[in-house]
């Protein structure tokens, strides 16, 4: 298939057009996007038309006043978010160069990796580069991937969403989930935990789509059982821990995280083995963005390690 020349598109592409597409994706209407980037709506209409003409594709479908990204628009949005992230990184690098600092790194991590891989690699990094500034964000993989796309993070330790592309993923570990309860929960005295014990309890679960929630869903589906009524849903590990501590509810956490809280006497871990394991997590960076020197050093320290329980 013949390749489309890149240079004519670059000659016609303006950063203001990139900002406009990003604003439309956030705001949903052309008028709100125009206001966000400080231009009039007629100017925004003209700018969008010029961009679509340069790319040879319509990017949005109109539903009333709302503009909805079509397939070409989705691809363009992903590329433009990558461009914004690269520019954000460039600005940070230039600022650090001007200030004469040792550099900066922003890392996002899921909870499973935070007490083990993340903290050990960061400790080594700070020992080698004491003047390095670091920002840490802990959250779910989907939220961290958004921050990576936007340039707010240099590296994510998490799980790559299904069908995602444009990233480099290097696996660190896969892990079994652990069922946790309050330290004084009656089930801890049971020599053998059966599924019927779990089904009879109330649960604190992650929201639908979370890998831990998927493990629990598959466990109940395999037993042809519905999830218990009255679920509490939260993506927060600390809220989950405190709810479990104060009630007789059950929850699921990665084994390394659950074992750490159990060592500190905050939770108990039930003797029950889930059928499914969590999908592998690892380091994630964007393919289209050069790594800063601090990010390269961090990744080199991250991957040789074998994590242990905290």
Protein backbone atom coordinates (compact mmCIF):
# COMPACT_ATOMS: atom_id res chain seq x y z
CA UNK A 1 0.00 0.00 0.00
CA UNK A 2 1.54 3.38 -0.96
CA UNK A 3 2.45 5.58 1.96
CA UNK A 4 0.94 9.04 2.29
CA UNK A 5 3.64 11.74 2.32
CA UNK A 6 3.99 13.18 5.81
CA UNK A 7 5.55 16.56 5.08
CA UNK A 8 2.53 18.19 3.37
CA UNK A 9 0.38 17.35 6.41
CA UNK A 10 2.97 18.75 8.79
CA UNK A 11 3.16 21.93 6.74
CA UNK A 12 -0.59 22.43 7.17
CA UNK A 13 -0.96 21.21 10.75
CA UNK A 14 -1.02 23.83 13.51
CA UNK A 15 -0.78 23.30 17.25
CA UNK A 16 -3.95 25.37 17.67
CA UNK A 17 -5.78 22.70 15.67
CA UNK A 18 -4.41 20.06 18.02
CA UNK A 19 -5.67 22.08 20.98
CA UNK A 20 -9.08 22.44 19.32
CA UNK A 21 -9.55 18.68 18.81
CA UNK A 22 -8.52 18.00 22.41
CA UNK A 23 -10.95 20.65 23.62
CA UNK A 24 -13.84 19.29 21.53
CA UNK A 25 -13.20 15.80 22.91
CA UNK A 26 -13.46 17.21 26.44
CA UNK A 27 -16.30 19.69 25.96
CA UNK A 28 -18.42 17.93 23.34
CA UNK A 29 -19.49 21.06 21.45
CA UNK A 30 -17.65 23.38 19.11
CA UNK A 31 -18.79 26.51 20.94
CA UNK A 32 -17.52 25.28 24.32
CA UNK A 33 -14.23 24.15 22.77
CA UNK A 34 -13.78 27.50 21.04
CA UNK A 35 -14.36 29.30 24.34
CA UNK A 36 -11.88 27.00 26.09
CA UNK A 37 -9.01 27.83 23.72
CA UNK A 38 -9.96 31.50 23.37
CA UNK A 39 -11.26 31.80 19.79
CA UNK A 40 -14.64 32.52 18.23
CA UNK A 41 -16.93 29.72 17.06
CA UNK A 42 -16.65 30.74 13.36
CA UNK A 43 -12.86 30.61 13.69
CA UNK A 44 -13.10 27.18 15.30
CA UNK A 45 -15.39 25.95 12.49
CA UNK A 46 -12.89 27.14 9.88
CA UNK A 47 -9.95 25.66 11.80
CA UNK A 48 -11.61 22.26 12.12
CA UNK A 49 -12.52 22.24 8.43
CA UNK A 50 -8.92 23.03 7.46
CA UNK A 51 -7.67 20.21 9.69
CA UNK A 52 -10.12 17.66 8.25
CA UNK A 53 -9.17 18.79 4.74
CA UNK A 54 -5.45 18.35 5.53
CA UNK A 55 -6.02 14.87 6.96
CA UNK A 56 -8.47 13.85 4.27
CA UNK A 57 -10.97 12.54 6.83
CA UNK A 58 -13.94 13.83 8.76
CA UNK A 59 -13.16 13.49 12.47
CA UNK A 60 -16.56 14.06 14.08
CA UNK A 61 -20.17 13.07 13.57
CA UNK A 62 -22.70 15.72 14.53
CA UNK A 63 -25.63 14.83 16.80
CA UNK A 64 -27.53 18.06 17.23
CA UNK A 65 -25.01 20.51 18.68
CA UNK A 66 -22.81 17.73 20.02
CA UNK A 67 -19.74 16.57 18.10
CA UNK A 68 -18.93 12.87 18.53
CA UNK A 69 -15.57 11.43 17.52
CA UNK A 70 -15.82 8.88 14.71
CA UNK A 71 -13.22 6.16 14.05
CA UNK A 72 -10.83 8.58 12.31
CA UNK A 73 -11.36 11.08 15.10
CA UNK A 74 -10.53 8.52 17.77
CA UNK A 75 -7.23 7.72 16.03
CA UNK A 76 -6.48 11.42 15.63
CA UNK A 77 -7.30 12.15 19.27
CA UNK A 78 -4.90 9.43 20.44
CA UNK A 79 -2.13 10.88 18.26
CA UNK A 80 -2.83 14.46 19.40
CA UNK A 81 -2.82 13.43 23.06
CA UNK A 82 0.57 11.86 22.42
CA UNK A 83 1.78 15.10 20.84
CA UNK A 84 0.60 17.09 23.84
CA UNK A 85 2.37 14.67 26.16
CA UNK A 86 5.61 15.00 24.19
CA UNK A 87 5.40 18.79 24.33
CA UNK A 88 4.70 18.69 28.08
CA UNK A 89 7.78 16.53 28.54
CA UNK A 90 9.84 18.90 26.38
CA UNK A 91 8.78 21.87 28.51
CA UNK A 92 9.75 20.01 31.70
CA UNK A 93 13.12 19.08 30.22
CA UNK A 94 13.80 22.65 29.11
CA UNK A 95 12.80 24.01 32.52
CA UNK A 96 15.12 21.58 34.27
CA UNK A 97 17.92 22.46 31.85
CA UNK A 98 17.45 26.15 32.60
CA UNK A 99 17.29 25.59 36.35
CA UNK A 100 20.29 23.27 36.35
CA UNK A 101 18.38 20.66 38.34
CA UNK A 102 19.02 16.91 38.40
CA UNK A 103 15.76 16.24 36.56
CA UNK A 104 12.26 15.08 37.37
CA UNK A 105 10.23 11.92 36.89
CA UNK A 106 6.51 11.29 37.24
CA UNK A 107 5.48 7.66 37.82
CA UNK A 108 2.01 6.14 38.13
CA UNK A 109 1.45 2.78 39.76
CA UNK A 110 -1.36 0.42 40.59
CA UNK A 111 -1.59 -0.55 44.25
CA UNK A 112 -0.28 -4.08 43.67
CA UNK A 113 3.15 -2.77 42.64
CA UNK A 114 3.39 0.19 45.02
CA UNK A 115 4.81 -1.47 48.17
CA UNK A 116 7.23 -3.64 46.22
CA UNK A 117 8.54 -2.84 42.75
CA UNK A 118 7.76 0.88 42.80
CA UNK A 119 9.18 1.81 46.20
CA UNK A 120 12.33 -0.26 45.81
CA UNK A 121 13.15 1.17 42.39
CA UNK A 122 12.46 4.72 43.61
CA UNK A 123 14.64 4.24 46.68
CA UNK A 124 17.54 3.09 44.49
CA UNK A 125 16.94 5.95 42.07
CA UNK A 126 17.07 8.53 44.88
CA UNK A 127 20.21 6.94 46.31
CA UNK A 128 21.92 7.34 42.95
CA UNK A 129 20.47 10.77 42.13
CA UNK A 130 19.67 12.60 45.40
CA UNK A 131 18.71 15.80 43.61
CA UNK A 132 16.13 14.12 41.40
CA UNK A 133 12.53 15.27 41.95
CA UNK A 134 9.82 12.60 41.70
CA UNK A 135 6.02 12.65 41.61
CA UNK A 136 4.05 9.47 42.36
CA UNK A 137 0.42 8.81 41.41
CA UNK A 138 -1.35 5.67 42.62
CA UNK A 139 -4.57 4.65 40.91
CA UNK A 140 -6.26 2.25 38.53
CA UNK A 141 -4.62 1.28 35.26
CA UNK A 142 -7.23 3.01 33.09
CA UNK A 143 -6.85 6.33 34.93
CA UNK A 144 -3.05 6.11 34.92
CA UNK A 145 -3.03 5.39 31.19
CA UNK A 146 -5.00 8.59 30.59
CA UNK A 147 -2.37 10.54 32.53
CA UNK A 148 0.39 8.83 30.54
CA UNK A 149 -1.30 9.80 27.26
CA UNK A 150 -1.65 13.39 28.45
CA UNK A 151 2.04 13.63 29.34
CA UNK A 152 1.43 13.98 33.08
CA UNK A 153 3.29 10.69 33.69
CA UNK A 154 6.54 9.38 32.24
CA UNK A 155 6.05 5.73 33.23
CA UNK A 156 3.09 3.67 34.42
CA UNK A 157 3.31 0.42 36.35
CA UNK A 158 0.01 -1.25 35.57
CA UNK A 159 -1.94 -3.38 33.14
CA UNK A 160 -2.39 -2.47 29.48
CA UNK A 161 -6.08 -2.22 28.55
CA UNK A 162 -7.40 -4.73 26.01
CA UNK A 163 -6.84 -3.76 22.37
CA UNK A 164 -4.58 -0.84 23.36
CA UNK A 165 -1.79 0.08 20.96
CA UNK A 166 1.03 2.60 20.87
CA UNK A 167 2.66 1.45 24.12
CA UNK A 168 5.70 -0.56 25.14
CA UNK A 169 4.92 -3.04 27.91
CA UNK A 170 7.50 -5.01 29.91
CA UNK A 171 5.96 -7.49 32.33
CA UNK A 172 6.93 -7.56 36.00
CA UNK A 173 4.58 -10.11 37.57
CA UNK A 174 1.23 -11.78 37.54
CA UNK A 175 -0.42 -12.45 40.85
CA UNK A 176 -3.10 -14.44 42.60
CA UNK A 177 -5.89 -12.51 44.33
CA UNK A 178 -6.44 -12.90 48.08
CA UNK A 179 -9.79 -12.74 49.92
CA UNK A 180 -9.49 -10.50 52.97
CA UNK A 181 -11.62 -9.92 56.07
CA UNK A 182 -11.40 -8.25 59.47
CA UNK A 183 -8.73 -9.69 61.81
CA UNK A 184 -11.42 -11.14 64.11
CA UNK A 185 -13.72 -12.47 61.38
CA UNK A 186 -15.30 -15.87 62.24
CA UNK A 187 -14.23 -17.37 58.90
CA UNK A 188 -10.58 -17.15 59.96
CA UNK A 189 -11.29 -19.97 62.41
CA UNK A 190 -12.61 -22.25 59.66
CA UNK A 191 -10.09 -24.95 58.68
CA UNK A 192 -11.41 -24.95 55.13
CA UNK A 193 -13.25 -22.15 53.37
CA UNK A 194 -15.87 -23.20 50.82
CA UNK A 195 -17.52 -21.02 48.20
CA UNK A 196 -20.76 -21.18 50.18
CA UNK A 197 -19.02 -19.24 52.96
CA UNK A 198 -18.12 -16.48 50.53
CA UNK A 199 -21.58 -16.35 48.98
CA UNK A 200 -23.15 -15.86 52.42
CA UNK A 201 -21.09 -12.73 53.15
CA UNK A 202 -21.41 -9.11 52.10
CA UNK A 203 -18.65 -7.74 49.88
CA UNK A 204 -16.68 -4.60 49.13
CA UNK A 205 -15.68 -4.80 45.46
CA UNK A 206 -13.91 -2.70 42.87
CA UNK A 207 -16.09 -1.15 40.16
CA UNK A 208 -17.03 -3.17 37.08
CA UNK A 209 -14.16 -3.43 34.61
CA UNK A 210 -11.47 -3.50 37.29
CA UNK A 211 -9.24 -6.62 37.00
CA UNK A 212 -9.93 -7.63 40.61
CA UNK A 213 -13.67 -7.28 40.07
CA UNK A 214 -13.38 -9.44 36.94
CA UNK A 215 -11.71 -12.20 39.01
CA UNK A 216 -14.58 -12.18 41.52
CA UNK A 217 -17.18 -12.11 38.74
CA UNK A 218 -15.60 -15.15 37.11
CA UNK A 219 -15.49 -16.99 40.44
CA UNK A 220 -19.23 -16.51 41.01
CA UNK A 221 -20.07 -17.28 37.37
CA UNK A 222 -18.11 -20.54 37.56
CA UNK A 223 -20.33 -21.54 40.50
CA UNK A 224 -23.48 -20.38 38.63
CA UNK A 225 -24.13 -17.90 41.43
CA UNK A 226 -25.08 -14.23 41.38
CA UNK A 227 -23.02 -11.69 43.29
CA UNK A 228 -24.41 -11.04 46.77
CA UNK A 229 -26.94 -8.25 47.18
CA UNK A 230 -25.95 -4.91 48.69
CA UNK A 231 -22.47 -4.61 47.22
CA UNK A 232 -20.30 -1.69 48.21
CA UNK A 233 -18.15 -0.53 45.29
CA UNK A 234 -14.99 1.55 45.51
CA UNK A 235 -11.70 1.77 43.62
CA UNK A 236 -9.92 2.96 46.77
CA UNK A 237 -7.75 0.37 48.49
CA UNK A 238 -7.69 2.30 51.76
CA UNK A 239 -11.48 2.67 51.87
CA UNK A 240 -11.73 -1.07 51.19
CA UNK A 241 -9.32 -1.86 54.04
CA UNK A 242 -11.13 0.35 56.56
CA UNK A 243 -14.55 -1.00 55.60
CA UNK A 244 -13.33 -4.57 56.00
CA UNK A 245 -11.73 -3.74 59.36
CA UNK A 246 -14.97 -2.32 60.74
CA UNK A 247 -17.45 -4.89 59.39
CA UNK A 248 -17.77 -8.56 58.52
CA UNK A 249 -17.57 -7.79 54.82
CA UNK A 250 -15.11 -9.51 52.49
CA UNK A 251 -12.95 -8.02 49.75
CA UNK A 252 -10.29 -9.05 47.26
CA UNK A 253 -6.82 -7.55 46.90
CA UNK A 254 -3.62 -8.68 45.16
CA UNK A 255 -1.82 -11.17 47.39
CA UNK A 256 1.26 -8.96 47.89
CA UNK A 257 -0.92 -6.05 49.06
CA UNK A 258 -3.16 -8.22 51.24
CA UNK A 259 -0.15 -9.91 52.87
CA UNK A 260 1.36 -6.55 53.72
CA UNK A 261 -1.77 -5.33 55.48
CA UNK A 262 -2.07 -8.70 57.23
CA UNK A 263 1.50 -8.43 58.54
CA UNK A 264 0.53 -5.12 60.13
CA UNK A 265 -2.53 -6.71 61.76
CA UNK A 266 -5.03 -4.69 59.74
CA UNK A 267 -6.76 -7.57 57.92
CA UNK A 268 -6.95 -11.34 57.84
CA UNK A 269 -6.43 -13.44 54.71
CA UNK A 270 -8.88 -16.31 54.20
CA UNK A 271 -7.68 -19.75 53.14
CA UNK A 272 -9.50 -19.69 49.84
CA UNK A 273 -7.94 -19.92 46.39
CA UNK A 274 -9.62 -18.12 43.53
CA UNK A 275 -9.74 -19.97 40.20
CA UNK A 276 -8.38 -17.02 38.20
CA UNK A 277 -5.15 -15.08 38.49
CA UNK A 278 -4.77 -11.41 37.77
CA UNK A 279 -3.36 -10.50 34.36
CA UNK A 280 0.30 -9.51 34.31
CA UNK A 281 1.28 -5.99 35.23
CA UNK A 282 4.47 -4.22 34.27
CA UNK A 283 6.04 -0.98 33.11
CA UNK A 284 4.24 0.94 30.36
CA UNK A 285 5.61 3.80 28.28
CA UNK A 286 4.43 5.35 25.05
CA UNK A 287 6.11 4.14 21.87
CA UNK A 288 5.96 7.58 20.25
CA UNK A 289 7.62 9.52 23.06
CA UNK A 290 11.36 9.58 23.85
CA UNK A 291 12.25 8.61 27.41
CA UNK A 292 13.90 11.19 29.62
CA UNK A 293 17.19 10.18 31.30
CA UNK A 294 15.48 9.81 34.72
CA UNK A 295 12.83 7.54 33.17
CA UNK A 296 15.50 5.37 31.55
CA UNK A 297 17.35 5.04 34.87
CA UNK A 298 14.11 4.20 36.68
CA UNK A 299 13.19 1.44 34.22
CA UNK A 300 16.68 -0.04 34.46
CA UNK A 301 16.31 -0.26 38.24
CA UNK A 302 12.72 -1.48 38.10
CA UNK A 303 13.04 -4.60 36.02
CA UNK A 304 15.94 -6.57 37.54
CA UNK A 305 14.14 -6.71 40.86
CA UNK A 306 12.22 -9.61 42.31
CA UNK A 307 9.57 -8.10 44.54
CA UNK A 308 8.98 -9.43 48.03
CA UNK A 309 6.15 -8.90 50.49
CA UNK A 310 6.35 -5.64 52.44
